[in-house]
Each structure stands twice: as structure tokens, then as C-alpha cells.
């Protein structure tokens, strides 16, 4: 079971909202809207995706990593390495 299972509907709702934002940005470009207005919407969509990513990471740490560490061994090492890699990707983006 994934760590976000209890909040799955909320994550899906947020992702649909972001999807709508991205479609709106494409429409703005089609309609030749002012550059700064488009960039403002791109920034908003980016921040919304970052918020989802941070929420998923938090759920992963609280659920998947915590359980793996309790079990110990190679599984724990693997889960911690996965979390570290995910954090590095988020920081670089």
C-alpha cells in the first residue's frame, strides 16, 4: 500500500486542478496573452506541482520509509536511498 493511499482522492483533485491550469496556460499562449501573465501562471502551476511533490514525499517518509526502517536490513537502506534521491531531484528542479 502506498503512503498516500488515505489522501489519494485529494491528490487526484489537486492534480486535476493543475491539469486545468496547464490547459489554461496553453490557451493563453494560443491567444497571444502578455508574456508576464503567462509566466505568472507557469509559476503558479510549478508551485502547485511542487506542493504535491512535497506532500507525496512527506507521505513516503512517514509511511514507506518508517516501515522499512522498522524492518531494517537492505530494504531500509533502499528506501532511505530512494528518499534521498527524490529529495535531490526536488532540490535540483
N, C-alpha and C. Protein backbone atom coordinates (compact mmCIF):
# COMPACT_ATOMS: atom_id res chain seq x y z
N UNK A 1 0.85 -1.18 0.00
CA UNK A 1 0.00 0.00 0.00
C UNK A 1 0.89 1.24 0.00
N UNK A 2 0.54 2.21 -0.82
CA UNK A 2 1.31 3.45 -0.90
C UNK A 2 0.99 4.36 0.29
N UNK A 3 1.96 5.16 0.66
CA UNK A 3 1.80 6.06 1.78
C UNK A 3 0.71 7.09 1.60
N UNK A 4 0.41 7.43 0.35
CA UNK A 4 -0.59 8.46 0.08
C UNK A 4 -2.00 7.89 -0.09
N UNK A 5 -2.18 6.60 0.11
CA UNK A 5 -3.46 5.94 -0.15
C UNK A 5 -4.63 6.62 0.56
N UNK A 6 -4.42 7.06 1.78
CA UNK A 6 -5.53 7.68 2.52
C UNK A 6 -5.88 9.05 1.96
N UNK A 7 -4.96 9.70 1.24
CA UNK A 7 -5.20 11.02 0.67
C UNK A 7 -5.30 10.99 -0.86
N UNK A 8 -5.49 9.81 -1.41
CA UNK A 8 -5.48 9.64 -2.87
C UNK A 8 -6.47 10.57 -3.57
N UNK A 9 -7.68 10.65 -3.06
CA UNK A 9 -8.69 11.50 -3.70
C UNK A 9 -8.28 12.97 -3.68
N UNK A 10 -7.69 13.41 -2.59
CA UNK A 10 -7.24 14.80 -2.51
C UNK A 10 -6.12 15.07 -3.50
N UNK A 11 -5.19 14.12 -3.63
CA UNK A 11 -4.11 14.29 -4.61
C UNK A 11 -4.65 14.31 -6.03
N UNK A 12 -5.59 13.44 -6.32
CA UNK A 12 -6.19 13.44 -7.66
C UNK A 12 -6.91 14.75 -7.95
N UNK A 13 -7.61 15.26 -6.95
CA UNK A 13 -8.31 16.54 -7.13
C UNK A 13 -7.32 17.66 -7.41
N UNK A 14 -6.22 17.69 -6.67
CA UNK A 14 -5.18 18.72 -6.88
C UNK A 14 -4.56 18.59 -8.26
N UNK A 15 -4.30 17.34 -8.69
CA UNK A 15 -3.70 17.13 -10.00
C UNK A 15 -4.65 17.54 -11.12
N UNK A 16 -5.93 17.31 -10.96
CA UNK A 16 -6.90 17.77 -11.98
C UNK A 16 -6.94 19.29 -12.04
N UNK A 17 -6.82 19.93 -10.90
CA UNK A 17 -6.80 21.39 -10.87
C UNK A 17 -5.55 21.91 -11.59
N UNK A 18 -4.41 21.27 -11.34
CA UNK A 18 -3.17 21.65 -12.01
C UNK A 18 -3.28 21.40 -13.51
N UNK A 19 -3.88 20.29 -13.88
CA UNK A 19 -4.10 19.99 -15.30
C UNK A 19 -4.90 21.11 -15.97
N UNK A 20 -5.91 21.59 -15.28
CA UNK A 20 -6.71 22.71 -15.79
C UNK A 20 -5.87 23.97 -15.92
N UNK A 21 -5.00 24.20 -14.94
CA UNK A 21 -4.11 25.36 -15.01
C UNK A 21 -3.22 25.29 -16.25
N UNK A 22 -2.67 24.11 -16.51
CA UNK A 22 -1.76 23.94 -17.64
C UNK A 22 -2.52 24.13 -18.96
N UNK A 23 -3.74 23.60 -19.04
CA UNK A 23 -4.55 23.85 -20.24
C UNK A 23 -4.82 25.34 -20.41
N UNK A 24 -5.05 26.02 -19.30
CA UNK A 24 -5.27 27.47 -19.35
C UNK A 24 -4.04 28.21 -19.85
N UNK A 25 -2.87 27.76 -19.47
CA UNK A 25 -1.62 28.38 -19.93
C UNK A 25 -1.48 28.19 -21.44
N UNK A 26 -1.78 26.98 -21.91
CA UNK A 26 -1.71 26.72 -23.35
C UNK A 26 -2.68 27.64 -24.11
N UNK A 27 -3.86 27.83 -23.56
CA UNK A 27 -4.86 28.73 -24.17
C UNK A 27 -4.36 30.16 -24.18
N UNK A 28 -3.70 30.57 -23.10
CA UNK A 28 -3.15 31.92 -23.04
C UNK A 28 -2.13 32.12 -24.16
N UNK A 29 -1.29 31.12 -24.39
CA UNK A 29 -0.28 31.21 -25.45
C UNK A 29 -0.97 31.24 -26.81
N UNK A 30 -1.98 30.38 -27.00
CA UNK A 30 -2.74 30.40 -28.26
C UNK A 30 -3.35 31.77 -28.52
N UNK A 31 -3.82 32.41 -27.46
CA UNK A 31 -4.49 33.71 -27.57
C UNK A 31 -3.51 34.88 -27.53
N UNK A 32 -2.20 34.59 -27.58
CA UNK A 32 -1.17 35.63 -27.58
C UNK A 32 -1.26 36.58 -26.39
N UNK A 33 -1.48 36.02 -25.21
CA UNK A 33 -1.55 36.84 -23.99
C UNK A 33 -0.16 37.38 -23.65
N UNK A 34 -0.15 38.39 -22.82
CA UNK A 34 1.07 39.08 -22.41
C UNK A 34 2.02 38.10 -21.71
N UNK A 35 3.30 38.18 -22.09
CA UNK A 35 4.33 37.25 -21.61
C UNK A 35 4.34 37.11 -20.09
N UNK A 36 4.30 38.22 -19.40
CA UNK A 36 4.39 38.20 -17.93
C UNK A 36 3.19 37.50 -17.33
N UNK A 37 2.02 37.68 -17.94
CA UNK A 37 0.83 36.98 -17.45
C UNK A 37 0.97 35.47 -17.62
N UNK A 38 1.52 35.03 -18.75
CA UNK A 38 1.75 33.61 -18.98
C UNK A 38 2.78 33.09 -17.97
N UNK A 39 3.86 33.82 -17.78
CA UNK A 39 4.89 33.40 -16.83
C UNK A 39 4.35 33.31 -15.41
N UNK A 40 3.46 34.22 -15.05
CA UNK A 40 2.85 34.18 -13.72
C UNK A 40 2.06 32.89 -13.54
N UNK A 41 1.33 32.48 -14.57
CA UNK A 41 0.56 31.25 -14.49
C UNK A 41 1.46 30.02 -14.49
N UNK A 42 2.55 30.06 -15.24
CA UNK A 42 3.51 28.96 -15.23
C UNK A 42 4.10 28.81 -13.83
N UNK A 43 4.43 29.92 -13.20
CA UNK A 43 4.97 29.89 -11.84
C UNK A 43 3.96 29.29 -10.86
N UNK A 44 2.69 29.68 -11.01
CA UNK A 44 1.65 29.15 -10.12
C UNK A 44 1.50 27.64 -10.30
N UNK A 45 1.51 27.16 -11.54
CA UNK A 45 1.39 25.73 -11.80
C UNK A 45 2.61 24.98 -11.25
N UNK A 46 3.78 25.57 -11.41
CA UNK A 46 5.01 24.96 -10.89
C UNK A 46 4.94 24.83 -9.38
N UNK A 47 4.52 25.87 -8.71
CA UNK A 47 4.40 25.83 -7.24
C UNK A 47 3.37 24.80 -6.81
N UNK A 48 2.28 24.69 -7.56
CA UNK A 48 1.26 23.69 -7.22
C UNK A 48 1.82 22.27 -7.35
N UNK A 49 2.58 22.01 -8.41
CA UNK A 49 3.21 20.70 -8.58
C UNK A 49 4.24 20.44 -7.48
N UNK A 50 4.98 21.47 -7.11
CA UNK A 50 5.95 21.31 -6.02
C UNK A 50 5.25 20.96 -4.72
N UNK A 51 4.09 21.56 -4.47
CA UNK A 51 3.34 21.27 -3.25
C UNK A 51 2.87 19.81 -3.24
N UNK A 52 2.43 19.32 -4.39
CA UNK A 52 2.03 17.91 -4.49
C UNK A 52 3.24 17.02 -4.24
N UNK A 53 4.36 17.35 -4.86
CA UNK A 53 5.57 16.55 -4.70
C UNK A 53 6.01 16.51 -3.24
N UNK A 54 5.98 17.64 -2.56
CA UNK A 54 6.39 17.67 -1.15
C UNK A 54 5.42 16.87 -0.29
N UNK A 55 4.14 16.93 -0.59
CA UNK A 55 3.16 16.13 0.14
C UNK A 55 3.40 14.65 -0.04
N UNK A 56 3.66 14.24 -1.29
CA UNK A 56 3.93 12.83 -1.56
C UNK A 56 5.22 12.38 -0.88
N UNK A 57 6.22 13.24 -0.89
CA UNK A 57 7.47 12.91 -0.21
C UNK A 57 7.25 12.74 1.28
N UNK A 58 6.48 13.63 1.87
CA UNK A 58 6.18 13.54 3.30
C UNK A 58 5.46 12.22 3.61
N UNK A 59 4.48 11.89 2.79
CA UNK A 59 3.75 10.62 2.98
C UNK A 59 4.71 9.43 2.85
N UNK A 60 5.61 9.50 1.87
CA UNK A 60 6.57 8.41 1.66
C UNK A 60 7.47 8.24 2.89
N UNK A 61 7.95 9.35 3.41
CA UNK A 61 8.82 9.28 4.59
C UNK A 61 8.08 8.74 5.80
N UNK A 62 6.85 9.22 6.00
CA UNK A 62 6.08 8.82 7.17
C UNK A 62 5.60 7.37 7.10
N UNK A 63 5.36 6.88 5.90
CA UNK A 63 4.79 5.55 5.77
C UNK A 63 5.84 4.53 5.29
N UNK A 64 6.27 4.67 4.06
CA UNK A 64 7.13 3.66 3.43
C UNK A 64 8.50 3.57 4.10
N UNK A 65 9.13 4.72 4.31
CA UNK A 65 10.48 4.71 4.89
C UNK A 65 10.42 4.28 6.35
N UNK A 66 9.45 4.78 7.09
CA UNK A 66 9.33 4.43 8.50
C UNK A 66 9.14 2.92 8.68
N UNK A 67 8.27 2.33 7.86
CA UNK A 67 8.07 0.88 7.95
C UNK A 67 9.33 0.11 7.58
N UNK A 68 10.02 0.57 6.53
CA UNK A 68 11.24 -0.12 6.10
C UNK A 68 12.33 -0.03 7.16
N UNK A 69 12.46 1.12 7.79
CA UNK A 69 13.48 1.28 8.84
C UNK A 69 13.15 0.38 10.02
N UNK A 70 11.87 0.24 10.33
CA UNK A 70 11.48 -0.65 11.43
C UNK A 70 11.85 -2.11 11.12
N UNK A 71 11.75 -2.49 9.82
CA UNK A 71 12.14 -3.84 9.41
C UNK A 71 13.66 -3.99 9.41
N UNK A 72 14.35 -2.91 9.03
CA UNK A 72 15.80 -2.93 8.99
C UNK A 72 16.34 -3.63 7.75
N UNK A 73 17.64 -3.78 7.69
CA UNK A 73 18.29 -4.51 6.61
C UNK A 73 18.36 -3.74 5.30
N UNK A 74 18.47 -4.50 4.20
CA UNK A 74 18.62 -3.92 2.87
C UNK A 74 17.42 -3.10 2.43
N UNK A 75 16.23 -3.53 2.83
CA UNK A 75 15.02 -2.79 2.46
C UNK A 75 15.07 -1.38 3.03
N UNK A 76 15.49 -1.27 4.26
CA UNK A 76 15.60 0.05 4.89
C UNK A 76 16.60 0.92 4.14
N UNK A 77 17.76 0.35 3.84
CA UNK A 77 18.78 1.10 3.10
C UNK A 77 18.26 1.56 1.75
N UNK A 78 17.53 0.69 1.07
CA UNK A 78 16.99 1.02 -0.25
C UNK A 78 15.97 2.15 -0.15
N UNK A 79 15.06 2.09 0.81
CA UNK A 79 14.03 3.12 0.96
C UNK A 79 14.65 4.47 1.32
N UNK A 80 15.65 4.47 2.17
CA UNK A 80 16.32 5.73 2.52
C UNK A 80 17.04 6.29 1.30
N UNK A 81 17.69 5.43 0.52
CA UNK A 81 18.37 5.88 -0.70
C UNK A 81 17.37 6.44 -1.71
N UNK A 82 16.22 5.79 -1.86
CA UNK A 82 15.18 6.30 -2.75
C UNK A 82 14.70 7.68 -2.31
N UNK A 83 14.47 7.83 -1.01
CA UNK A 83 14.01 9.11 -0.49
C UNK A 83 15.06 10.19 -0.70
N UNK A 84 16.31 9.86 -0.46
CA UNK A 84 17.39 10.82 -0.67
C UNK A 84 17.47 11.25 -2.12
N UNK A 85 17.34 10.30 -3.04
CA UNK A 85 17.37 10.62 -4.47
C UNK A 85 16.19 11.49 -4.86
N UNK A 86 15.02 11.21 -4.30
CA UNK A 86 13.83 12.03 -4.60
C UNK A 86 14.02 13.45 -4.10
N UNK A 87 14.57 13.58 -2.90
CA UNK A 87 14.83 14.92 -2.35
C UNK A 87 15.82 15.66 -3.23
N UNK A 88 16.87 14.98 -3.67
CA UNK A 88 17.86 15.61 -4.55
C UNK A 88 17.22 16.08 -5.84
N UNK A 89 16.32 15.28 -6.42
CA UNK A 89 15.65 15.69 -7.66
C UNK A 89 14.79 16.91 -7.43
N UNK A 90 14.09 16.96 -6.30
CA UNK A 90 13.24 18.11 -5.99
C UNK A 90 14.06 19.37 -5.78
N UNK A 91 15.19 19.23 -5.13
CA UNK A 91 16.04 20.39 -4.86
C UNK A 91 16.63 20.94 -6.16
N UNK A 92 17.01 20.04 -7.07
CA UNK A 92 17.59 20.47 -8.34
C UNK A 92 16.56 21.12 -9.26
N UNK A 93 15.29 20.77 -9.12
CA UNK A 93 14.29 21.29 -10.05
C UNK A 93 13.87 22.70 -9.73
